[in-house]
Amino acid sequence: MPTCKACGDEADELVSIKVDGKRKKVCEDCAELAAEEAEIAEESESVVQEMMGFKGRR
């Protein structure tokens, strides 16, 4: 059985995701968690940019 690179558990199927510019093969649970964390980071970055008056594009 394949092993998840994030949690180390064995999984039936691994999903390839991009984390910090690198591809990793992780289980579906870890993939969902990484997607949620990326969404939260993006929202918090936009809030900080808005608070600082950033008008450019990223």
N, C-alpha and C. Protein backbone atom coordinates (compact mmCIF):
# COMPACT_ATOMS: atom_id res chain seq x y z
N MET A 1 0.83 -1.19 0.00
CA MET A 1 0.00 0.00 0.00
C MET A 1 0.88 1.25 0.00
N PRO A 2 0.45 2.27 -0.73
CA PRO A 2 1.21 3.53 -0.74
C PRO A 2 1.08 4.27 0.58
N THR A 3 2.10 5.05 0.89
CA THR A 3 2.14 5.80 2.15
C THR A 3 2.03 7.29 1.87
N CYS A 4 1.21 7.97 2.65
CA CYS A 4 1.02 9.42 2.53
C CYS A 4 2.29 10.13 2.99
N LYS A 5 2.73 11.13 2.22
CA LYS A 5 3.94 11.88 2.57
C LYS A 5 3.71 12.88 3.70
N ALA A 6 2.46 13.25 3.95
CA ALA A 6 2.17 14.24 4.98
C ALA A 6 1.98 13.60 6.36
N CYS A 7 1.12 12.59 6.43
CA CYS A 7 0.80 12.02 7.74
C CYS A 7 1.51 10.68 7.99
N GLY A 8 2.01 10.04 6.94
CA GLY A 8 2.74 8.80 7.12
C GLY A 8 1.86 7.57 7.18
N ASP A 9 0.54 7.74 7.08
CA ASP A 9 -0.38 6.60 7.11
C ASP A 9 -0.47 5.95 5.74
N GLU A 10 -0.83 4.69 5.74
CA GLU A 10 -1.05 3.99 4.48
C GLU A 10 -2.43 4.35 3.95
N ALA A 11 -2.54 4.51 2.63
CA ALA A 11 -3.81 4.89 2.02
C ALA A 11 -4.06 4.01 0.81
N ASP A 12 -5.34 3.86 0.47
CA ASP A 12 -5.69 3.08 -0.71
C ASP A 12 -5.26 3.80 -1.98
N GLU A 13 -5.42 5.12 -1.97
CA GLU A 13 -5.11 5.92 -3.15
C GLU A 13 -4.48 7.24 -2.72
N LEU A 14 -3.46 7.69 -3.45
CA LEU A 14 -2.81 8.95 -3.16
C LEU A 14 -3.19 9.98 -4.21
N VAL A 15 -3.28 11.24 -3.79
CA VAL A 15 -3.62 12.33 -4.67
C VAL A 15 -2.40 13.23 -4.76
N SER A 16 -2.08 13.69 -5.97
CA SER A 16 -0.94 14.57 -6.16
C SER A 16 -1.41 16.02 -6.04
N ILE A 17 -0.82 16.77 -5.09
CA ILE A 17 -1.16 18.18 -4.90
C ILE A 17 0.11 19.00 -4.90
N LYS A 18 -0.04 20.31 -5.10
CA LYS A 18 1.10 21.21 -5.10
C LYS A 18 1.09 21.99 -3.79
N VAL A 19 2.17 21.85 -3.01
CA VAL A 19 2.31 22.53 -1.72
C VAL A 19 3.61 23.33 -1.76
N ASP A 20 3.48 24.64 -1.59
CA ASP A 20 4.65 25.53 -1.62
C ASP A 20 5.49 25.34 -2.87
N GLY A 21 4.84 25.15 -4.01
CA GLY A 21 5.54 25.01 -5.29
C GLY A 21 6.09 23.62 -5.56
N LYS A 22 5.87 22.68 -4.67
CA LYS A 22 6.37 21.32 -4.86
C LYS A 22 5.20 20.34 -4.89
N ARG A 23 5.31 19.32 -5.72
CA ARG A 23 4.26 18.31 -5.81
C ARG A 23 4.49 17.26 -4.73
N LYS A 24 3.39 16.89 -4.06
CA LYS A 24 3.45 15.84 -3.04
C LYS A 24 2.31 14.88 -3.27
N LYS A 25 2.53 13.62 -2.99
CA LYS A 25 1.48 12.62 -3.06
C LYS A 25 0.99 12.35 -1.65
N VAL A 26 -0.26 12.74 -1.40
CA VAL A 26 -0.84 12.63 -0.07
C VAL A 26 -2.20 11.94 -0.16
N CYS A 27 -2.71 11.51 0.99
CA CYS A 27 -4.03 10.88 1.03
C CYS A 27 -5.10 11.97 0.85
N GLU A 28 -6.33 11.55 0.62
CA GLU A 28 -7.40 12.50 0.36
C GLU A 28 -7.67 13.42 1.55
N ASP A 29 -7.56 12.90 2.77
CA ASP A 29 -7.79 13.71 3.96
C ASP A 29 -6.76 14.84 4.05
N CYS A 30 -5.50 14.51 3.82
CA CYS A 30 -4.44 15.52 3.88
C CYS A 30 -4.59 16.52 2.73
N ALA A 31 -5.07 16.07 1.57
CA ALA A 31 -5.28 16.96 0.43
C ALA A 31 -6.37 17.98 0.76
N GLU A 32 -7.45 17.54 1.40
CA GLU A 32 -8.52 18.46 1.80
C GLU A 32 -8.01 19.46 2.83
N LEU A 33 -7.23 18.99 3.78
CA LEU A 33 -6.67 19.86 4.81
C LEU A 33 -5.74 20.90 4.19
N ALA A 34 -4.89 20.50 3.24
CA ALA A 34 -3.97 21.42 2.57
C ALA A 34 -4.74 22.47 1.76
N ALA A 35 -5.84 22.06 1.12
CA ALA A 35 -6.66 23.00 0.36
C ALA A 35 -7.30 24.04 1.29
N GLU A 36 -7.79 23.59 2.44
CA GLU A 36 -8.38 24.51 3.41
C GLU A 36 -7.34 25.49 3.94
N GLU A 37 -6.15 25.00 4.25
CA GLU A 37 -5.08 25.87 4.75
C GLU A 37 -4.67 26.89 3.71
N ALA A 38 -4.61 26.49 2.43
CA ALA A 38 -4.25 27.42 1.36
C ALA A 38 -5.31 28.49 1.21
N GLU A 39 -6.57 28.11 1.33
CA GLU A 39 -7.67 29.07 1.22
C GLU A 39 -7.63 30.08 2.36
N ILE A 40 -7.37 29.61 3.57
CA ILE A 40 -7.29 30.49 4.73
C ILE A 40 -6.11 31.46 4.59
N ALA A 41 -4.98 30.95 4.11
CA ALA A 41 -3.79 31.80 3.93
C ALA A 41 -4.05 32.88 2.89
N GLU A 42 -4.75 32.52 1.81
CA GLU A 42 -5.05 33.49 0.76
C GLU A 42 -5.99 34.58 1.28
N GLU A 43 -7.01 34.18 2.04
CA GLU A 43 -7.95 35.16 2.60
C GLU A 43 -7.25 36.08 3.60
N SER A 44 -6.40 35.53 4.44
CA SER A 44 -5.72 36.37 5.42
C SER A 44 -4.74 37.32 4.75
N GLU A 45 -4.11 36.89 3.68
CA GLU A 45 -3.20 37.77 2.95
C GLU A 45 -3.97 38.93 2.33
N SER A 46 -5.15 38.66 1.78
CA SER A 46 -5.93 39.73 1.17
C SER A 46 -6.41 40.72 2.23
N VAL A 47 -6.75 40.23 3.41
CA VAL A 47 -7.18 41.12 4.50
C VAL A 47 -6.02 42.02 4.92
N VAL A 48 -4.84 41.47 5.04
CA VAL A 48 -3.67 42.27 5.44
C VAL A 48 -3.34 43.30 4.37
N GLN A 49 -3.42 42.89 3.10
CA GLN A 49 -3.14 43.83 2.00
C GLN A 49 -4.16 44.97 1.99
N GLU A 50 -5.43 44.63 2.23
CA GLU A 50 -6.47 45.65 2.26
C GLU A 50 -6.25 46.60 3.44
N MET A 51 -5.85 46.06 4.57
CA MET A 51 -5.62 46.86 5.76
C MET A 51 -4.45 47.82 5.54
N MET A 52 -3.45 47.39 4.78
CA MET A 52 -2.27 48.22 4.54
C MET A 52 -2.46 49.15 3.35
N GLY A 53 -3.59 49.03 2.65
CA GLY A 53 -3.85 49.91 1.52
C GLY A 53 -3.15 49.50 0.24
N PHE A 54 -2.83 48.24 0.09
CA PHE A 54 -2.15 47.74 -1.10
C PHE A 54 -3.10 47.78 -2.27
N LYS A 55 -2.70 48.46 -3.36
CA LYS A 55 -3.58 48.63 -4.51
C LYS A 55 -3.15 47.81 -5.72
N GLY A 56 -1.99 47.19 -5.69
CA GLY A 56 -1.47 46.45 -6.83
C GLY A 56 -2.09 45.07 -6.97
N ARG A 57 -1.55 44.35 -7.92
CA ARG A 57 -2.01 42.97 -8.15
C ARG A 57 -0.93 42.02 -7.71
N ARG A 58 -1.34 40.87 -7.35
CA ARG A 58 -0.38 39.84 -6.96
C ARG A 58 -0.24 38.87 -8.05
